[in-house]
Structure formats: structure tokens, C-alpha cells
Amino acid sequence: MAIAVSDLIPLSQARANLSELADQAHAGAEKIITKNGEGYVALINAQRLDYYHQLERERIHLLLIDDAAQGLADVAEGRVKDARSALQRRRNARTAG
């Protein structure tokens, strides 16, 4: 959803019209409240915010699945290292440096 110029609301105006802006956000509009001419906060429908959070959780899960799949592919191709040896080499490098 693109933000129109009419969706940019100065903080002083938002204070005076909060109830009206909240009704508009509840109806689906997204408002950007500005402070000193720059975006400061957004006013959106609470259900839409929940949806955005759900999308972010799903994105994180997909990234984890992708990492797990890459790890399995590495194991299948023999690209593995012994964890204890790798950690010990890292510890030794830190103490030597």
C-alpha cells in the first residue's frame, strides 16, 4: 500500500485530530505521523499490525528452514567438521592473539 501525501500528518495536527485519525486507521488507512518534517510513528489498524508481525515470524521460520536445509546438504556432501575440534581451535586462536 503506497502512502499518499495526505497520509503524512504533522504531530501537532495528530494531537488535535487523534480520534478521527484512529477511526481512519481502524477503517484501513495507514497514517505516518511526522515530527520536524520526518516520519516519526505510524498509525495503523491493530489487526494489520498483528498480520505484519505474523508475516515477520513466518519469514524467520522460512529462513531457519533454509538454514537447516543447507546444513543437511552440507552433511550429505561431506562438508562437516568436528565441533569440539573447531571450538578448541577457535579458543586457541583467541588466547594466542
C-alpha atoms as a PDB file:
ATOM      1  CA  MET A   1       0.000   0.000   0.000  1.00  0.00           C
ATOM      2  CA  ALA A   2       1.507   3.295  -1.075  1.00  0.00           C
ATOM      3  CA  ILE A   3       1.500   6.209   1.318  1.00  0.00           C
ATOM      4  CA  ALA A   4      -0.029   9.384  -0.124  1.00  0.00           C
ATOM      5  CA  VAL A   5       0.908  12.901   0.901  1.00  0.00           C
ATOM      6  CA  SER A   6      -2.474  13.107   2.651  1.00  0.00           C
ATOM      7  CA  ASP A   7      -1.351  10.210   4.880  1.00  0.00           C
ATOM      8  CA  LEU A   8       1.530  12.294   6.285  1.00  0.00           C
ATOM      9  CA  ILE A   9       0.253  14.061   9.382  1.00  0.00           C
ATOM     10  CA  PRO A  10       2.293  16.510  11.478  1.00  0.00           C
ATOM     11  CA  LEU A  11       2.367  15.568  15.169  1.00  0.00           C
ATOM     12  CA  SER A  12       0.627  18.803  16.166  1.00  0.00           C
ATOM     13  CA  GLN A  13      -2.256  18.008  13.808  1.00  0.00           C
ATOM     14  CA  ALA A  14      -2.376  14.393  15.006  1.00  0.00           C
ATOM     15  CA  ARG A  15      -2.778  15.560  18.617  1.00  0.00           C
ATOM     16  CA  ALA A  16      -5.744  17.708  17.651  1.00  0.00           C
ATOM     17  CA  ASN A  17      -7.403  15.030  15.486  1.00  0.00           C
ATOM     18  CA  LEU A  18      -6.398  11.748  17.147  1.00  0.00           C
ATOM     19  CA  SER A  19      -9.931  10.356  17.393  1.00  0.00           C
ATOM     20  CA  GLU A  20     -10.609  10.986  13.693  1.00  0.00           C
ATOM     21  CA  LEU A  21      -7.212   9.577  12.671  1.00  0.00           C
ATOM     22  CA  ALA A  22      -7.796   6.494  14.831  1.00  0.00           C
ATOM     23  CA  ASP A  23     -11.152   5.917  13.113  1.00  0.00           C
ATOM     24  CA  GLN A  24      -9.470   6.213   9.706  1.00  0.00           C
ATOM     25  CA  ALA A  25      -6.740   3.758  10.729  1.00  0.00           C
ATOM     26  CA  HIS A  26      -9.337   1.359  12.081  1.00  0.00           C
ATOM     27  CA  ALA A  27     -11.073   1.550   8.690  1.00  0.00           C
ATOM     28  CA  GLY A  28      -7.830   0.555   6.953  1.00  0.00           C
ATOM     29  CA  ALA A  29      -5.930   3.779   6.311  1.00  0.00           C
ATOM     30  CA  GLU A  30      -2.298   3.977   7.326  1.00  0.00           C
ATOM     31  CA  LYS A  31      -1.068   7.319   8.590  1.00  0.00           C
ATOM     32  CA  ILE A  32       2.508   8.443   9.101  1.00  0.00           C
ATOM     33  CA  ILE A  33       2.842  10.976  11.880  1.00  0.00           C
ATOM     34  CA  THR A  34       5.747  13.316  11.287  1.00  0.00           C
ATOM     35  CA  LYS A  35       7.875  15.285  13.704  1.00  0.00           C
ATOM     36  CA  ASN A  36      10.079  18.099  12.438  1.00  0.00           C
ATOM     37  CA  GLY A  37       9.140  17.106   8.885  1.00  0.00           C
ATOM     38  CA  GLU A  38      10.328  13.484   9.157  1.00  0.00           C
ATOM     39  CA  GLY A  39       8.465  10.224   9.697  1.00  0.00           C
ATOM     40  CA  TYR A  40       8.130   9.570  13.421  1.00  0.00           C
ATOM     41  CA  VAL A  41       5.453   6.911  14.060  1.00  0.00           C
ATOM     42  CA  ALA A  42       2.766   5.073  12.118  1.00  0.00           C
ATOM     43  CA  LEU A  43      -0.886   4.758  12.946  1.00  0.00           C
ATOM     44  CA  ILE A  44      -2.394   1.540  11.585  1.00  0.00           C
ATOM     45  CA  ASN A  45      -5.210  -0.871  12.340  1.00  0.00           C
ATOM     46  CA  ALA A  46      -4.273  -3.234  15.194  1.00  0.00           C
ATOM     47  CA  GLN A  47      -5.299  -6.280  13.146  1.00  0.00           C
ATOM     48  CA  ARG A  48      -2.990  -5.182  10.341  1.00  0.00           C
ATOM     49  CA  LEU A  49      -0.134  -4.797  12.839  1.00  0.00           C
ATOM     50  CA  ASP A  50      -0.798  -8.350  14.062  1.00  0.00           C
ATOM     51  CA  TYR A  51      -0.714  -9.503  10.437  1.00  0.00           C
ATOM     52  CA  TYR A  52       2.622  -7.739   9.840  1.00  0.00           C
ATOM     53  CA  HIS A  53       4.047  -9.452  12.930  1.00  0.00           C
ATOM     54  CA  GLN A  54       2.767 -12.820  11.694  1.00  0.00           C
ATOM     55  CA  LEU A  55       4.455 -12.246   8.324  1.00  0.00           C
ATOM     56  CA  GLU A  56       7.742 -11.460  10.073  1.00  0.00           C
ATOM     57  CA  ARG A  57       7.525 -14.650  12.177  1.00  0.00           C
ATOM     58  CA  GLU A  58       6.815 -16.683   9.038  1.00  0.00           C
ATOM     59  CA  ARG A  59       9.805 -15.078   7.296  1.00  0.00           C
ATOM     60  CA  ILE A  60      12.043 -16.018  10.219  1.00  0.00           C
ATOM     61  CA  HIS A  61      10.741 -19.605  10.127  1.00  0.00           C
ATOM     62  CA  LEU A  62      11.418 -19.839   6.386  1.00  0.00           C
ATOM     63  CA  LEU A  63      14.973 -18.582   6.923  1.00  0.00           C
ATOM     64  CA  LEU A  64      15.516 -21.198   9.635  1.00  0.00           C
ATOM     65  CA  ILE A  65      14.178 -23.936   7.353  1.00  0.00           C
ATOM     66  CA  ASP A  66      16.508 -22.735   4.594  1.00  0.00           C
ATOM     67  CA  ASP A  67      19.475 -22.815   7.002  1.00  0.00           C
ATOM     68  CA  ALA A  68      18.547 -26.330   8.122  1.00  0.00           C
ATOM     69  CA  ALA A  69      18.249 -27.489   4.511  1.00  0.00           C
ATOM     70  CA  GLN A  70      21.677 -26.005   3.743  1.00  0.00           C
ATOM     71  CA  GLY A  71      23.111 -27.783   6.768  1.00  0.00           C
ATOM     72  CA  LEU A  72      21.667 -31.102   5.632  1.00  0.00           C
ATOM     73  CA  ALA A  73      23.076 -30.526   2.146  1.00  0.00           C
ATOM     74  CA  ASP A  74      26.495 -29.809   3.684  1.00  0.00           C
ATOM     75  CA  VAL A  75      26.339 -33.060   5.651  1.00  0.00           C
ATOM     76  CA  ALA A  76      25.264 -35.008   2.556  1.00  0.00           C
ATOM     77  CA  GLU A  77      28.233 -33.554   0.619  1.00  0.00           C
ATOM     78  CA  GLY A  78      30.661 -34.296   3.431  1.00  0.00           C
ATOM     79  CA  ARG A  79      31.276 -30.642   4.272  1.00  0.00           C
ATOM     80  CA  VAL A  80      31.484 -31.248   8.009  1.00  0.00           C
ATOM     81  CA  LYS A  81      33.901 -30.521  10.831  1.00  0.00           C
ATOM     82  CA  ASP A  82      34.156 -31.969  14.279  1.00  0.00           C
ATOM     83  CA  ALA A  83      32.541 -29.389  16.571  1.00  0.00           C
ATOM     84  CA  ARG A  84      34.857 -29.982  19.529  1.00  0.00           C
ATOM     85  CA  SER A  85      37.964 -29.587  17.397  1.00  0.00           C
ATOM     86  CA  ALA A  86      36.638 -26.452  15.705  1.00  0.00           C
ATOM     87  CA  LEU A  87      35.740 -24.862  19.051  1.00  0.00           C
ATOM     88  CA  GLN A  88      39.125 -25.763  20.517  1.00  0.00           C
ATOM     89  CA  ARG A  89      40.933 -24.206  17.539  1.00  0.00           C
ATOM     90  CA  ARG A  90      38.854 -21.053  17.982  1.00  0.00           C
ATOM     91  CA  ARG A  91      39.681 -20.897  21.705  1.00  0.00           C
ATOM     92  CA  ASN A  92      43.356 -21.418  20.989  1.00  0.00           C
ATOM     93  CA  ALA A  93      43.324 -18.649  18.379  1.00  0.00           C
ATOM     94  CA  ARG A  94      41.716 -16.211  20.848  1.00  0.00           C
ATOM     95  CA  THR A  95      44.210 -16.913  23.614  1.00  0.00           C
ATOM     96  CA  ALA A  96      47.147 -16.705  21.211  1.00  0.00           C
ATOM     97  CA  GLY A  97      46.024 -13.344  19.799  1.00  0.00           C
END
